[in-house]
Amino acid sequence: MRNHLLGALCATTALCAGAAQAQTRLIVNCFWPPQHPVCQEILPNWLAEVERVTEGRVTGLVPPRSVAPPPEQLASVESGVIDVAVQFNGLIQNRINGPIVAMQPFVGLENAEIMSQALWDTNRAFFPDEFDTVELLTQWVVTPGQLFSMTDTPVTTLEQMNGLRIWTLPGPITQMATALGAGAVATPAVQSNDVISRGVVDAHFGLGPEALRSFQALPYTRSMTRFTQPVYSTSFSMVMNRDKWAALSPEDQAAIHSVSGAVLGRAAAAVWDRDSAEVMAMFPDQGISIVNADAALEEALMAAAAPITAAWIERATAAGIDGQGALDFYRARLLELSQ
């Protein structure tokens, strides 16, 4: 009898200890190809930090394949299909406006880490509560997209853009290219290889250097056109399901925020900068030249960009965000952080 009581007591004690140490497991989706640094490095490293700062109370995993297409990352988190995901902000402009400030043409730098810090600072100052159906963990900006030719003739002049068959990233890049007379085929970046590899187009506009490797576009690329100022960058938001977040203790919520926000945003952006530098170092061996854009081409793109930015300011203001103020603040932070 005594042994039975001791056994029961031990079992109850173990049960209570287990309850006290109960874990929350996060399913963190990655819509990029499985070999992409977001899936292999950024998200797993963040999960390791989350587990460390919560002393093992919160853990997680990244599924080997995405459970939802790129446009549905936010919706999948809202519905609870997944707990955490990264959403390309360009695909949810019917829902949010704030982080599009970093996607305005001719605003960014050739430094994703600085842009990401500036975006997070702008978020905290102008639109911290815009994501009201999920918990916003961080936002970041990636290395600017570039204009690449797939033929032996680099694209450097305004005349060449007229009638050019070109893959473009949806959004401002597509609008600017179309305004200059190009025949644009726009798809999300993860689908770019389908268009580029089949020879449907003669150029592509919007992929950063690191994306040439990630989306296997290097073999089809012959030259990169450099502008005096980067034409366009993209931004992402990382969010958690609201119910999953609410179930965490305030202590664990604070711990997770401590390794998210600007810390995570800068770390993610640094990976883009690192990989872009690695890929550009490969250009000579890949037979890819770097050429400068004609001034008239850059001026025409800037002229086409002006109404895009004006329209964003109007939409943001209508949504309750000081659009012009946010844009001015973002630009000022870029300048300050670059000093």
Protein backbone atom coordinates (compact mmCIF):
# COMPACT_ATOMS: atom_id res chain seq x y z
CA MET A 1 0.00 0.00 0.00
CA ARG A 2 2.79 2.38 1.01
CA ASN A 3 4.57 1.73 -2.28
CA HIS A 4 1.35 2.40 -4.21
CA LEU A 5 0.85 5.69 -2.39
CA LEU A 6 4.43 6.72 -3.08
CA GLY A 7 3.96 5.84 -6.73
CA ALA A 8 0.76 7.85 -6.93
CA LEU A 9 2.41 10.80 -5.18
CA CYS A 10 5.35 10.70 -7.57
CA ALA A 11 3.04 10.51 -10.56
CA THR A 12 1.00 13.46 -9.29
CA THR A 13 4.13 15.49 -8.59
CA ALA A 14 5.48 14.75 -12.06
CA LEU A 15 2.12 15.69 -13.55
CA CYS A 16 2.10 19.00 -11.70
CA ALA A 17 5.69 19.72 -12.69
CA GLY A 18 4.80 18.94 -16.29
CA ALA A 19 1.84 21.30 -16.13
CA ALA A 20 4.02 24.03 -14.69
CA GLN A 21 6.46 23.58 -17.57
CA ALA A 22 3.77 23.14 -20.24
CA GLN A 23 5.07 24.15 -23.64
CA THR A 24 3.53 26.17 -26.42
CA ARG A 25 4.59 24.95 -29.84
CA LEU A 26 4.45 27.36 -32.76
CA ILE A 27 3.96 26.27 -36.37
CA VAL A 28 5.94 28.87 -38.32
CA ASN A 29 5.26 28.83 -42.04
CA CYS A 30 7.80 29.70 -44.75
CA PHE A 31 6.45 30.31 -48.27
CA TRP A 32 9.89 30.62 -49.87
CA PRO A 33 11.53 27.54 -51.43
CA PRO A 34 12.70 25.13 -48.68
CA GLN A 35 16.37 25.93 -49.33
CA HIS A 36 15.85 29.70 -48.96
CA PRO A 37 17.61 31.42 -46.03
CA VAL A 38 14.26 32.46 -44.53
CA CYS A 39 13.33 28.78 -44.17
CA GLN A 40 16.80 27.50 -43.31
CA GLU A 41 18.26 30.29 -41.24
CA ILE A 42 16.11 33.30 -40.31
CA LEU A 43 13.02 31.54 -38.93
CA PRO A 44 14.87 28.61 -37.26
CA ASN A 45 17.30 31.05 -35.60
CA TRP A 46 14.40 33.14 -34.33
CA LEU A 47 12.71 30.06 -32.92
CA ALA A 48 15.93 29.10 -31.16
CA GLU A 49 16.03 32.56 -29.59
CA VAL A 50 12.36 32.31 -28.59
CA GLU A 51 13.01 28.99 -26.89
CA ARG A 52 16.04 30.45 -25.11
CA VAL A 53 14.39 33.60 -23.77
CA THR A 54 11.23 31.74 -22.68
CA GLU A 55 13.36 29.06 -21.00
CA GLY A 56 11.83 26.36 -23.15
CA ARG A 57 8.20 27.30 -22.55
CA VAL A 58 7.72 28.32 -26.20
CA THR A 59 9.16 26.20 -28.98
CA GLY A 60 8.35 25.79 -32.65
CA LEU A 61 9.03 24.27 -36.01
CA VAL A 62 9.09 25.29 -39.66
CA PRO A 63 7.21 22.79 -41.89
CA PRO A 64 9.26 21.41 -44.81
CA ARG A 65 6.80 22.90 -47.30
CA SER A 66 4.59 25.97 -47.20
CA VAL A 67 1.02 25.22 -46.15
CA ALA A 68 -0.36 28.27 -47.99
CA PRO A 69 0.51 30.31 -51.12
CA PRO A 70 2.27 33.68 -50.69
CA PRO A 71 -0.87 35.87 -50.83
CA GLU A 72 -2.56 33.89 -48.05
CA GLN A 73 0.04 34.03 -45.28
CA LEU A 74 -1.81 36.64 -43.22
CA ALA A 75 -5.18 34.98 -43.76
CA SER A 76 -3.77 31.61 -42.71
CA VAL A 77 -2.48 33.07 -39.46
CA GLU A 78 -5.77 34.83 -38.79
CA SER A 79 -7.71 31.58 -39.27
CA GLY A 80 -5.29 29.60 -37.10
CA VAL A 81 -4.17 27.23 -39.86
CA ILE A 82 -0.64 28.30 -38.90
CA ASP A 83 0.62 30.21 -35.89
CA VAL A 84 3.28 32.47 -37.39
CA ALA A 85 4.05 33.56 -40.95
CA VAL A 86 5.84 36.20 -43.00
CA GLN A 87 3.65 38.17 -45.39
CA PHE A 88 4.90 40.15 -48.40
CA ASN A 89 3.24 43.50 -47.81
CA GLY A 90 2.72 44.15 -51.50
CA LEU A 91 0.11 41.39 -51.61
CA ILE A 92 -2.07 42.78 -48.80
CA GLN A 93 -2.36 46.45 -49.77
CA ASN A 94 -6.13 46.08 -49.54
CA ARG A 95 -5.60 45.48 -45.82
CA ILE A 96 -2.62 47.61 -44.74
CA ASN A 97 -0.78 50.74 -45.85
CA GLY A 98 1.96 51.59 -43.36
CA PRO A 99 4.87 49.32 -44.36
CA ILE A 100 4.36 50.26 -48.00
CA VAL A 101 6.25 53.43 -47.09
CA ALA A 102 9.46 51.44 -47.52
CA MET A 103 8.31 50.23 -50.93
CA GLN A 104 8.01 53.67 -52.49
CA PRO A 105 10.21 53.98 -55.59
CA PHE A 106 13.55 55.77 -55.33
CA VAL A 107 13.35 56.01 -51.52
CA GLY A 108 15.61 53.21 -50.31
CA LEU A 109 19.30 52.41 -49.99
CA GLU A 110 21.63 49.59 -50.95
CA ASN A 111 21.51 48.53 -47.29
CA ALA A 112 18.62 46.35 -46.19
CA GLU A 113 19.64 46.41 -42.53
CA ILE A 114 19.41 50.18 -42.31
CA MET A 115 16.13 50.21 -44.22
CA SER A 116 14.67 47.63 -41.85
CA GLN A 117 15.63 49.62 -38.77
CA ALA A 118 14.14 52.75 -40.35
CA LEU A 119 10.92 50.92 -41.21
CA TRP A 120 10.51 49.55 -37.68
CA ASP A 121 11.13 53.01 -36.23
CA THR A 122 8.54 54.44 -38.63
CA ASN A 123 6.08 51.70 -37.65
CA ARG A 124 6.46 52.47 -33.95
CA ALA A 125 5.95 56.19 -34.59
CA PHE A 126 3.15 56.17 -37.18
CA PHE A 127 1.29 52.84 -37.50
CA PRO A 128 2.08 50.50 -34.58
CA ASP A 129 -1.47 49.13 -34.34
CA GLU A 130 -2.31 48.73 -38.02
CA PHE A 131 -2.31 44.92 -37.83
CA ASP A 132 -5.33 44.65 -35.54
CA THR A 133 -6.28 41.00 -36.17
CA VAL A 134 -2.86 39.46 -35.38
CA GLU A 135 0.19 40.21 -33.27
CA LEU A 136 2.85 42.00 -35.31
CA LEU A 137 6.29 40.61 -34.48
CA THR A 138 8.48 42.56 -36.89
CA GLN A 139 8.79 44.14 -40.31
CA TRP A 140 11.83 44.23 -42.55
CA VAL A 141 13.01 45.48 -45.93
CA VAL A 142 15.16 43.48 -48.33
CA THR A 143 18.03 44.38 -50.65
CA PRO A 144 16.65 46.46 -53.56
CA GLY A 145 15.46 44.75 -56.72
CA GLN A 146 17.36 45.39 -59.93
CA LEU A 147 16.85 45.52 -63.68
CA PHE A 148 18.45 42.55 -65.46
CA SER A 149 18.76 41.69 -69.15
CA MET A 150 18.51 38.10 -70.34
CA THR A 151 20.05 38.83 -73.72
CA ASP A 152 23.53 39.96 -74.75
CA THR A 153 22.22 43.54 -74.95
CA PRO A 154 21.96 45.33 -71.58
CA VAL A 155 18.87 47.43 -70.94
CA THR A 156 20.19 50.95 -70.38
CA THR A 157 18.04 53.38 -72.37
CA LEU A 158 14.47 54.63 -72.35
CA GLU A 159 14.07 53.55 -75.97
CA GLN A 160 14.89 49.95 -75.08
CA MET A 161 12.14 49.84 -72.45
CA ASN A 162 9.47 50.64 -75.03
CA GLY A 163 8.07 47.30 -76.16
CA LEU A 164 10.47 45.25 -74.00
CA ARG A 165 9.11 41.89 -72.85
CA ILE A 166 9.88 41.89 -69.15
CA TRP A 167 9.03 39.98 -65.97
CA THR A 168 8.21 42.38 -63.14
CA LEU A 169 7.45 42.15 -59.46
CA PRO A 170 3.78 43.15 -58.98
CA GLY A 171 3.16 46.69 -57.78
CA PRO A 172 5.18 49.83 -58.49
CA ILE A 173 7.74 48.04 -60.68
CA THR A 174 4.97 46.82 -62.97
CA GLN A 175 3.33 50.24 -63.04
CA MET A 176 6.59 52.02 -63.89
CA ALA A 177 7.62 49.52 -66.56
CA THR A 178 4.19 49.67 -68.18
CA ALA A 179 4.23 53.48 -68.12
CA LEU A 180 7.49 53.33 -70.11
CA GLY A 181 5.89 51.09 -72.74
CA ALA A 182 7.21 47.69 -71.64
CA GLY A 183 5.14 44.55 -71.96
CA ALA A 184 5.17 43.35 -68.36
CA VAL A 185 4.45 39.86 -67.06
CA ALA A 186 3.91 40.28 -63.31
CA THR A 187 4.02 37.41 -60.80
CA PRO A 188 5.14 36.99 -57.18
CA ALA A 189 8.89 36.51 -56.89
CA VAL A 190 8.52 32.84 -55.95
CA GLN A 191 6.90 32.26 -59.37
CA SER A 192 9.45 34.28 -61.35
CA ASN A 193 11.39 31.23 -62.54
CA ASP A 194 8.32 29.91 -64.37
CA VAL A 195 8.40 32.98 -66.61
CA ILE A 196 12.14 33.63 -66.79
CA SER A 197 13.25 30.05 -67.51
CA ARG A 198 10.77 29.57 -70.36
CA GLY A 199 12.12 32.51 -72.35
CA VAL A 200 8.79 34.33 -72.30
CA VAL A 201 10.62 37.59 -71.51
CA ASP A 202 13.91 39.24 -72.44
CA ALA A 203 14.51 40.98 -69.10
CA HIS A 204 13.38 40.93 -65.49
CA PHE A 205 12.93 43.78 -63.02
CA GLY A 206 12.46 43.49 -59.27
CA LEU A 207 14.58 40.58 -58.11
CA GLY A 208 17.54 41.38 -55.89
CA PRO A 209 20.89 39.71 -56.57
CA GLU A 210 20.29 37.07 -53.87
CA ALA A 211 16.98 36.14 -55.53
CA LEU A 212 18.80 35.21 -58.75
CA ARG A 213 20.25 32.27 -56.83
CA SER A 214 17.21 31.51 -54.67
CA PHE A 215 14.84 31.42 -57.64
CA GLN A 216 17.38 29.90 -60.05
CA ALA A 217 17.46 32.85 -62.45
CA LEU A 218 21.27 33.14 -62.64
CA PRO A 219 21.67 30.94 -65.74
CA TYR A 220 19.28 33.16 -67.71
CA THR A 221 20.74 36.53 -66.70
CA ARG A 222 23.41 38.34 -68.71
CA SER A 223 23.64 41.86 -67.26
CA MET A 224 22.46 44.10 -64.42
CA THR A 225 21.57 47.76 -64.90
CA ARG A 226 22.69 50.01 -62.05
CA PHE A 227 20.89 53.26 -61.20
CA THR A 228 22.26 56.17 -59.18
CA GLN A 229 19.60 55.43 -56.53
CA PRO A 230 17.92 52.06 -55.95
CA VAL A 231 14.61 51.93 -57.79
CA TYR A 232 12.57 49.71 -55.51
CA SER A 233 12.68 47.57 -52.36
CA THR A 234 10.12 45.23 -50.85
CA SER A 235 9.00 44.87 -47.26
CA PHE A 236 7.61 42.00 -45.21
CA SER A 237 5.60 41.66 -42.00
CA MET A 238 5.89 38.74 -39.59
CA VAL A 239 2.75 38.03 -37.58
CA MET A 240 1.40 35.61 -34.97
CA ASN A 241 -2.13 34.29 -34.48
CA ARG A 242 -3.94 36.50 -31.96
CA ASP A 243 -5.35 33.63 -29.87
CA LYS A 244 -1.99 31.89 -29.74
CA TRP A 245 -0.40 35.12 -28.60
CA ALA A 246 -3.08 35.78 -25.97
CA ALA A 247 -2.52 32.31 -24.49
CA LEU A 248 1.09 33.19 -23.65
CA SER A 249 2.00 34.69 -20.30
CA PRO A 250 2.90 38.40 -20.22
CA GLU A 251 6.43 37.29 -19.31
CA ASP A 252 6.74 35.16 -22.44
CA GLN A 253 5.13 37.82 -24.62
CA ALA A 254 7.72 40.35 -23.45
CA ALA A 255 10.51 37.82 -23.97
CA ILE A 256 9.40 37.11 -27.55
CA HIS A 257 9.14 40.81 -28.36
CA SER A 258 12.69 41.24 -27.04
CA VAL A 259 14.04 38.97 -29.82
CA SER A 260 11.65 40.22 -32.50
CA GLY A 261 11.01 43.82 -33.59
CA ALA A 262 14.11 45.66 -34.78
CA VAL A 263 16.39 42.84 -33.59
CA LEU A 264 14.81 40.26 -35.87
CA GLY A 265 14.18 42.73 -38.70
CA ARG A 266 17.82 43.75 -38.88
CA ALA A 267 19.01 40.15 -38.61
CA ALA A 268 16.76 39.09 -41.49
CA ALA A 269 17.82 42.04 -43.62
CA ALA A 270 21.50 41.35 -42.92
CA VAL A 271 21.05 37.89 -44.45
CA TRP A 272 19.71 39.50 -47.65
CA ASP A 273 22.64 41.92 -47.80
CA ARG A 274 25.12 39.11 -47.16
CA ASP A 275 23.65 36.84 -49.81
CA SER A 276 23.38 39.68 -52.34
CA ALA A 277 27.08 40.42 -51.91
CA GLU A 278 27.91 36.72 -52.34
CA VAL A 279 25.89 36.45 -55.54
CA MET A 280 27.30 39.65 -57.03
CA ALA A 281 30.80 38.29 -56.40
CA MET A 282 29.79 35.39 -58.65
CA PHE A 283 28.79 37.66 -61.55
CA PRO A 284 32.14 37.53 -63.42
CA ASP A 285 32.17 33.72 -63.39
CA GLN A 286 28.53 33.68 -64.45
CA GLY A 287 29.21 36.05 -67.35
CA ILE A 288 26.99 38.78 -65.90
CA SER A 289 28.12 42.36 -66.50
CA ILE A 290 27.09 45.47 -64.56
CA VAL A 291 26.22 48.56 -66.60
CA ASN A 292 24.93 52.04 -65.77
CA ALA A 293 21.49 53.24 -66.76
CA ASP A 294 21.17 56.18 -69.10
CA ALA A 295 20.09 59.36 -67.27
CA ALA A 296 16.96 59.61 -69.44
CA LEU A 297 15.84 56.12 -68.38
CA GLU A 298 16.26 56.92 -64.69
CA GLU A 299 14.47 60.25 -65.07
CA ALA A 300 11.57 58.57 -66.87
CA LEU A 301 11.26 55.95 -64.13
CA MET A 302 11.28 58.69 -61.49
CA ALA A 303 8.54 60.56 -63.35
CA ALA A 304 6.48 57.36 -63.53
CA ALA A 305 7.07 56.82 -59.81
CA ALA A 306 5.76 60.21 -58.68
CA PRO A 307 2.03 59.42 -59.03
CA ILE A 308 2.58 56.03 -57.36
CA THR A 309 3.93 57.70 -54.23
CA ALA A 310 1.26 60.40 -54.32
CA ALA A 311 -1.45 57.72 -54.49
CA TRP A 312 0.08 55.85 -51.54
CA ILE A 313 0.15 59.02 -49.42
CA GLU A 314 -3.52 59.59 -50.23
CA ARG A 315 -4.50 56.01 -49.34
CA ALA A 316 -2.49 56.01 -46.13
CA THR A 317 -3.97 59.33 -45.05
CA ALA A 318 -7.48 58.07 -45.77
CA ALA A 319 -6.72 55.05 -43.57
CA GLY A 320 -5.76 57.28 -40.65
CA ILE A 321 -1.97 57.29 -41.16
CA ASP A 322 -0.04 60.49 -41.73
CA GLY A 323 1.35 59.30 -45.04
CA GLN A 324 3.53 62.31 -45.84
CA GLY A 325 4.77 62.42 -42.26
CA ALA A 326 5.63 58.72 -42.30
CA LEU A 327 7.48 59.06 -45.61
CA ASP A 328 9.44 62.07 -44.41
CA PHE A 329 10.29 60.28 -41.14
CA TYR A 330 11.42 57.14 -42.99
CA ARG A 331 13.68 59.15 -45.29
CA ALA A 332 15.11 61.07 -42.36
CA ARG A 333 15.85 57.85 -40.43
CA LEU A 334 17.61 56.41 -43.48
CA LEU A 335 19.83 59.47 -43.61
CA GLU A 336 20.52 59.42 -39.86
CA LEU A 337 21.31 55.72 -39.76
CA SER A 338 23.61 56.04 -42.77
CA GLN A 339 25.84 58.60 -41.07
